Protein backbone atom coordinates (compact mmCIF):
# COMPACT_ATOMS: atom_id res chain seq x y z
CA MET A 1 -0.04 -0.10 0.11
CA SER A 2 2.93 2.71 0.90
CA LEU A 3 3.32 2.07 -2.76
CA ARG A 4 0.24 2.99 -3.92
CA ILE A 5 0.39 6.25 -1.51
CA LEU A 6 3.85 6.94 -3.11
CA ALA A 7 2.46 6.60 -6.76
CA ALA A 8 -0.52 8.85 -5.94
CA GLY A 9 1.30 11.41 -4.58
CA LEU A 10 3.55 11.41 -7.15
CA VAL A 11 0.18 11.82 -10.27
CA LEU A 12 -0.24 14.65 -7.59
CA LEU A 13 2.80 16.06 -7.68
CA ALA A 14 3.09 15.81 -11.69
CA ALA A 15 -0.63 17.67 -12.24
CA CYS A 16 0.38 20.55 -9.88
CA SER A 17 3.39 20.67 -11.72
CA HIS A 18 1.76 21.52 -14.54
CA SER A 19 -0.85 24.60 -13.72
CA GLN A 20 -2.06 27.09 -16.15
CA PRO A 21 0.08 30.00 -15.98
CA SER A 22 -1.72 33.14 -13.56
CA SER A 23 -3.70 35.47 -14.94
CA PRO A 24 -1.73 38.93 -14.98
CA PRO A 25 -3.79 41.62 -12.45
CA VAL A 26 -6.38 43.52 -13.95
CA ALA A 27 -4.73 46.71 -12.90
CA ASP A 28 -1.58 45.58 -16.01
CA VAL A 29 -4.18 44.98 -18.59
CA VAL A 30 -6.22 48.18 -17.74
CA ALA A 31 -3.21 50.07 -17.89
CA GLN A 32 -2.41 49.14 -21.42
CA PRO A 33 -3.25 51.70 -23.95
CA THR A 34 -5.36 50.42 -27.00
CA PRO A 35 -3.98 51.09 -30.17
CA PRO A 36 -5.62 54.56 -32.04
CA ALA A 37 -8.14 53.74 -34.18
CA LEU A 38 -7.51 54.98 -37.68
CA ALA A 39 -8.80 57.78 -38.76
CA PRO A 40 -10.18 58.12 -42.35
CA PRO A 41 -7.62 60.44 -44.56
CA GLU A 42 -8.62 63.61 -44.75
CA PRO A 43 -9.80 65.18 -48.35
CA GLU A 44 -7.69 67.31 -49.97
CA PRO A 45 -8.33 71.31 -49.66
CA VAL A 46 -10.19 71.87 -53.10
CA ALA A 47 -9.53 75.68 -54.57
CA PRO A 48 -12.33 78.20 -54.35
CA PRO A 49 -13.06 78.94 -58.46
CA VAL A 50 -11.01 81.74 -59.95
CA ALA A 51 -13.48 84.19 -61.27
CA ARG A 52 -12.84 84.08 -65.15
CA PRO A 53 -13.25 87.40 -66.40
CA PRO A 54 -16.09 88.59 -68.06
CA ASP A 55 -16.67 87.89 -72.39
CA ILE A 56 -15.12 90.72 -74.49
CA ALA A 57 -18.05 92.83 -75.60
CA ARG A 58 -18.75 93.27 -79.02
CA ALA A 59 -18.39 96.92 -80.17
CA SER A 60 -18.73 99.15 -83.66
CA VAL A 61 -16.70 102.08 -84.34
CA TYR A 62 -17.73 104.92 -86.54
CA PHE A 63 -16.20 106.73 -89.51
CA ASP A 64 -16.90 109.96 -91.55
CA TYR A 65 -17.82 110.05 -95.25
CA ASP A 66 -15.49 108.19 -97.09
CA SER A 67 -12.82 108.32 -94.61
CA SER A 68 -10.50 105.57 -92.32
CA GLU A 69 -9.64 108.02 -89.88
CA LEU A 70 -10.20 107.70 -86.32
CA ASP A 71 -11.79 110.28 -84.15
CA PRO A 72 -12.06 110.65 -80.60
CA ALA A 73 -14.40 109.05 -79.74
CA THR A 74 -13.57 105.94 -81.92
CA ARG A 75 -10.15 106.27 -80.31
CA ALA A 76 -12.37 106.24 -76.80
CA ALA A 77 -13.84 103.07 -77.99
CA LEU A 78 -11.59 101.05 -79.03
CA GLN A 79 -9.20 101.77 -75.88
CA ALA A 80 -12.04 100.54 -73.76
CA PHE A 81 -11.83 97.27 -76.25
CA PHE A 82 -8.65 96.55 -75.96
CA ASP A 83 -8.78 97.05 -72.23
CA GLN A 84 -11.80 94.37 -71.91
CA ALA A 85 -9.18 92.02 -74.75
CA GLN A 86 -6.11 92.44 -72.49
CA GLN A 87 -8.05 90.41 -69.55
CA ARG A 88 -9.20 87.69 -71.69
CA PRO A 89 -6.30 86.89 -73.67
CA ASP A 90 -7.98 83.37 -74.76
CA GLN A 91 -10.03 85.24 -76.80
CA ASN A 92 -9.38 86.55 -80.65
CA VAL A 93 -11.13 89.47 -82.10
CA ARG A 94 -12.51 90.14 -85.62
CA ILE A 95 -12.79 93.60 -87.46
CA GLU A 96 -14.74 93.80 -89.94
CA GLY A 97 -14.97 96.96 -91.60
CA ASN A 98 -18.05 98.22 -93.54
CA CYS A 99 -19.29 100.86 -95.67
CA ASP A 100 -22.70 102.79 -96.89
CA GLU A 101 -24.35 101.89 -100.20
CA ARG A 102 -22.92 104.72 -101.82
CA GLY A 103 -19.43 103.79 -104.07
CA THR A 104 -18.69 101.21 -105.94
CA ARG A 105 -18.56 97.45 -104.52
CA GLU A 106 -14.93 97.41 -105.29
CA TYR A 107 -14.26 101.38 -103.70
CA ASN A 108 -16.28 100.42 -101.02
CA LEU A 109 -14.33 96.78 -100.18
CA ALA A 110 -11.68 98.89 -100.43
CA LEU A 111 -12.27 101.27 -97.80
CA GLY A 112 -13.62 98.47 -95.61
CA GLN A 113 -10.51 97.30 -95.19
CA ARG A 114 -8.68 100.66 -94.32
CA ARG A 115 -10.86 100.99 -91.58
CA ALA A 116 -10.13 97.39 -90.50
CA ASP A 117 -6.90 98.43 -90.76
CA ALA A 118 -7.17 101.45 -88.70
CA ALA A 119 -8.73 99.68 -86.12
CA LYS A 120 -6.21 97.31 -86.00
CA LYS A 121 -3.06 99.26 -85.70
CA TYR A 122 -4.41 101.24 -83.58
CA LEU A 123 -4.99 98.21 -80.94
CA THR A 124 -2.11 97.05 -82.00
CA ASP A 125 -0.25 100.19 -80.82
CA LEU A 126 -1.97 100.20 -77.38
CA GLY A 127 -0.08 96.88 -77.11
CA LEU A 128 -2.79 94.01 -78.10
CA ASP A 129 -0.89 91.17 -80.16
CA PRO A 130 -1.48 91.13 -83.69
CA ALA A 131 -2.05 87.48 -83.65
CA ARG A 132 -4.80 87.82 -81.96
CA ILE A 133 -6.39 90.16 -84.32
CA ALA A 134 -7.93 89.44 -88.47
CA THR A 135 -9.60 92.26 -90.24
CA ILE A 136 -12.04 91.53 -93.13
CA SER A 137 -14.12 94.09 -95.39
CA TYR A 138 -17.71 93.33 -96.33
CA GLY A 139 -17.58 97.12 -98.23
CA LYS A 140 -21.68 97.95 -98.41
CA GLU A 141 -22.93 94.07 -97.93
CA ARG A 142 -23.67 94.20 -95.18
CA PRO A 143 -25.57 97.37 -94.05
CA ARG A 144 -26.68 97.56 -90.48
CA VAL A 145 -29.64 100.13 -91.18
CA ALA A 146 -31.93 99.77 -94.26
CA GLY A 147 -32.03 103.11 -95.99
CA ASP A 148 -31.02 106.03 -98.10
CA ASP A 149 -30.31 108.69 -95.82
CA GLU A 150 -27.31 110.73 -93.66
CA ASP A 151 -28.95 108.36 -90.61
CA ALA A 152 -28.69 104.71 -92.17
CA TRP A 153 -25.10 105.94 -93.98
CA ARG A 154 -23.82 107.02 -90.63
CA GLU A 155 -24.74 103.53 -89.58
CA ASN A 156 -23.38 101.46 -92.32
CA ARG A 157 -19.70 103.64 -91.66
CA ARG A 158 -18.33 101.17 -89.27
CA ASP A 159 -15.90 98.60 -88.00
CA ASP A 160 -17.47 95.90 -86.06
CA LEU A 161 -15.32 94.24 -83.65
CA ILE A 162 -15.98 90.93 -82.93
CA PRO A 163 -15.01 88.04 -80.11
CA GLY A 164 -14.08 84.55 -80.49
CA ASP A 165 -12.75 81.88 -78.36
CA VAL A 166 -9.00 80.71 -79.31
CA GLY A 167 -9.52 77.47 -81.47
CA SER A 168 -13.55 77.75 -81.74
CA SER A 169 -15.13 78.29 -84.41
CA ASN A 170 -15.85 81.25 -83.40
CA ALA A 171 -12.29 82.35 -83.39
CA VAL A 172 -10.52 84.69 -85.95
CA SER A 173 -10.02 82.01 -88.97
CA GLN A 174 -9.30 84.54 -91.98
CA ALA A 175 -5.38 85.80 -92.17
CA SER A 176 -4.70 89.25 -90.95
CA ARG A 177 -3.81 91.57 -93.88
């Protein structure tokens, strides 16, 4: 029997030696910091939209009978047009020379071209890039006002300054003269 007791004691001893490790104290578990939660990435700052300068407004300048000379009112209108064009380098300009119905077709085409060229020269002298400007003469073919009196003729002796986007179908497409 003593052998039996001894064997039982050894079994007990062996069982006790394989006891589970003790848990860490509760204070140690609480004291350990929790890993920070991953924050969602912050969105990239978006720049406020840049205000685009207004489009260049169409303009017309007027001439005396049988003249391509720029009077003070015409120069002032061309200066205002130039100021707008400087704000919009993405827009080209077409200058369309027109005449009243008096004179031959050929004479009026030449006079309309001199008028368009005079306006172009003035704008380039102010500093507008000549590559942005095209000229064309319509002579008496595009009257603004119908009539055979001085009021109608005065309205038809003009240059029309037409802005257009670079590269668009409204852009200046004719070669400058």
